[in-house]
Protein backbone atom coordinates (compact mmCIF):
# COMPACT_ATOMS: atom_id res chain seq x y z
CA UNK A 1 71.13 95.96 126.63
CA UNK A 2 73.12 93.56 124.36
CA UNK A 3 73.06 89.87 125.17
CA UNK A 4 76.13 89.02 127.22
CA UNK A 5 76.49 85.75 125.27
CA UNK A 6 76.86 87.79 122.07
CA UNK A 7 79.57 89.97 123.81
CA UNK A 8 81.47 86.80 125.07
CA UNK A 9 81.37 85.21 121.48
CA UNK A 10 82.50 88.42 119.77
CA UNK A 11 85.06 88.84 122.52
CA UNK A 12 86.99 85.97 121.23
CA UNK A 13 88.24 88.10 118.28
CA UNK A 14 89.48 91.12 120.43
CA UNK A 15 92.94 92.00 120.91
CA UNK A 16 94.49 90.05 123.83
CA UNK A 17 98.02 91.19 123.42
CA UNK A 18 99.55 93.26 126.29
CA UNK A 19 100.82 95.58 123.60
CA UNK A 20 97.49 96.19 121.86
CA UNK A 21 95.25 99.21 122.26
CA UNK A 22 93.00 98.88 125.25
CA UNK A 23 89.93 99.91 123.02
CA UNK A 24 90.59 96.90 120.94
CA UNK A 25 90.00 94.54 123.91
CA UNK A 26 86.28 95.66 123.86
CA UNK A 27 83.25 95.28 121.77
CA UNK A 28 82.13 98.42 120.03
CA UNK A 29 78.31 99.08 119.87
CA UNK A 30 76.90 101.67 117.37
CA UNK A 31 73.33 101.57 116.23
CA UNK A 32 72.29 97.78 115.40
CA UNK A 33 76.02 96.94 114.97
CA UNK A 34 78.42 95.19 117.34
CA UNK A 35 81.88 94.85 116.11
CA UNK A 36 85.37 93.89 117.18
CA UNK A 37 88.78 94.01 115.64
CA UNK A 38 92.32 93.16 116.63
CA UNK A 39 93.86 94.89 113.52
CA UNK A 40 93.82 91.63 111.62
CA UNK A 41 90.42 90.46 111.87
CA UNK A 42 87.18 92.54 111.63
CA UNK A 43 83.81 91.20 112.63
CA UNK A 44 80.57 93.04 112.60
CA UNK A 45 77.40 91.42 113.69
CA UNK A 46 73.86 92.99 113.19
CA UNK A 47 71.83 93.18 116.47
CA UNK A 48 68.31 92.55 116.86
CA UNK A 49 67.67 95.86 118.42
CA UNK A 50 69.38 99.25 118.11
CA UNK A 51 71.50 100.29 120.92
CA UNK A 52 70.55 103.42 122.88
CA UNK A 53 73.89 104.88 122.57
CA UNK A 54 77.35 104.27 121.03
CA UNK A 55 79.58 102.39 123.52
CA UNK A 56 82.46 100.13 124.12
CA UNK A 57 81.70 97.14 126.26
CA UNK A 58 84.01 94.65 128.09
CA UNK A 59 83.21 91.31 126.44
CA UNK A 60 83.18 89.29 129.77
CA UNK A 61 81.33 91.68 132.03
CA UNK A 62 79.41 93.97 129.76
CA UNK A 63 80.69 96.98 131.66
CA UNK A 64 81.86 100.11 129.97
CA UNK A 65 85.67 101.05 130.36
CA UNK A 66 86.57 104.62 131.25
CA UNK A 67 87.97 105.60 127.84
CA UNK A 68 86.93 107.67 124.86
CA UNK A 69 84.99 106.10 122.07
CA UNK A 70 87.46 107.66 119.52
CA UNK A 71 90.07 104.98 120.78
CA UNK A 72 88.17 102.49 118.67
CA UNK A 73 89.42 102.57 114.95
CA UNK A 74 86.92 103.76 112.15
CA UNK A 75 86.21 100.53 110.72
CA UNK A 76 83.56 101.58 108.17
CA UNK A 77 85.89 102.91 105.78
CA UNK A 78 88.22 99.72 106.05
CA UNK A 79 85.16 97.44 105.31
CA UNK A 80 83.78 99.78 102.57
CA UNK A 81 87.10 99.65 100.68
CA UNK A 82 87.37 95.86 100.97
CA UNK A 83 83.90 95.12 99.76
CA UNK A 84 84.33 97.53 96.79
CA UNK A 85 86.98 95.31 95.31
CA UNK A 86 85.66 92.78 92.84
CA UNK A 87 84.80 89.21 94.01
CA UNK A 88 86.71 86.55 92.33
CA UNK A 89 84.71 83.60 93.70
CA UNK A 90 82.02 83.26 96.28
CA UNK A 91 82.59 80.18 98.31
CA UNK A 92 80.50 78.78 101.17
CA UNK A 93 82.32 76.78 103.89
CA UNK A 94 80.59 75.35 106.98
CA UNK A 95 82.26 76.80 110.10
CA UNK A 96 82.62 73.61 111.86
CA UNK A 97 84.39 72.03 108.87
CA UNK A 98 86.79 74.96 108.71
CA UNK A 99 87.43 74.97 112.45
CA UNK A 100 88.05 71.23 112.42
CA UNK A 101 90.74 71.75 109.83
CA UNK A 102 92.39 74.80 111.66
CA UNK A 103 92.36 72.95 114.91
CA UNK A 104 94.65 70.28 113.24
CA UNK A 105 97.17 72.99 112.26
CA UNK A 106 99.77 74.19 114.75
CA UNK A 107 99.21 77.71 116.38
CA UNK A 108 101.06 80.36 114.70
CA UNK A 109 101.12 78.64 111.37
CA UNK A 110 100.84 80.91 108.29
CA UNK A 111 98.40 79.54 105.79
CA UNK A 112 98.05 79.86 102.05
CA UNK A 113 94.58 79.49 100.77
CA UNK A 114 94.03 78.72 96.91
CA UNK A 115 90.53 79.17 95.74
CA UNK A 116 90.24 77.11 92.63
CA UNK A 117 86.53 77.94 91.78
CA UNK A 118 83.10 78.38 93.35
CA UNK A 119 82.53 74.62 93.83
CA UNK A 120 86.13 73.26 94.00
CA UNK A 121 88.08 72.26 97.02
CA UNK A 122 90.03 74.98 98.68
CA UNK A 123 93.75 73.88 98.93
CA UNK A 124 95.34 75.05 102.13
CA UNK A 125 99.16 74.97 102.73
CA UNK A 126 101.31 75.96 105.54
CA UNK A 127 103.88 78.49 104.54
CA UNK A 128 106.80 76.04 105.12
CA UNK A 129 104.91 73.48 102.93
CA UNK A 130 105.13 70.88 105.77
CA UNK A 131 101.26 70.57 105.94
CA UNK A 132 98.82 70.73 103.18
CA UNK A 133 95.25 69.66 102.78
CA UNK A 134 91.91 70.75 101.46
CA UNK A 135 88.45 71.80 102.57
CA UNK A 136 85.45 71.19 100.42
CA UNK A 137 82.97 74.14 100.18
CA UNK A 138 79.16 73.70 100.49
CA UNK A 139 77.60 73.68 97.01
CA UNK A 140 75.59 76.92 96.90
CA UNK A 141 76.01 77.61 93.06
CA UNK A 142 73.81 80.42 91.91
CA UNK A 143 73.58 82.21 95.20
């Protein structure tokens, strides 16, 4: 059984719109992978133990909905294609630092991220150019 805390944390990235596919409001468990997507974000987490069966689980209750598994999109191909593209820069950012920056930006803002180099500041500007700033990466050169 998957830890309910993991379900709840991953549930933050599920599709919460009333127009979204119901399957995208759940966490997909397959083997040692728990994954969520809302069509804009895809998150996969490796679990400590392998699930007994493939299933969709409600992120708050851990209960299975009455729907077919095929309603959840095939994310393996999407992730594989994204990872095949060449990496331009590998940048490490502390989650709390990025969250602090994003919390100061209005909801719904479209952001442009400019990656200048592996150890250089990331310049972030709103689409309307009313807000701009930067986030410093963690120096992990050579990793």
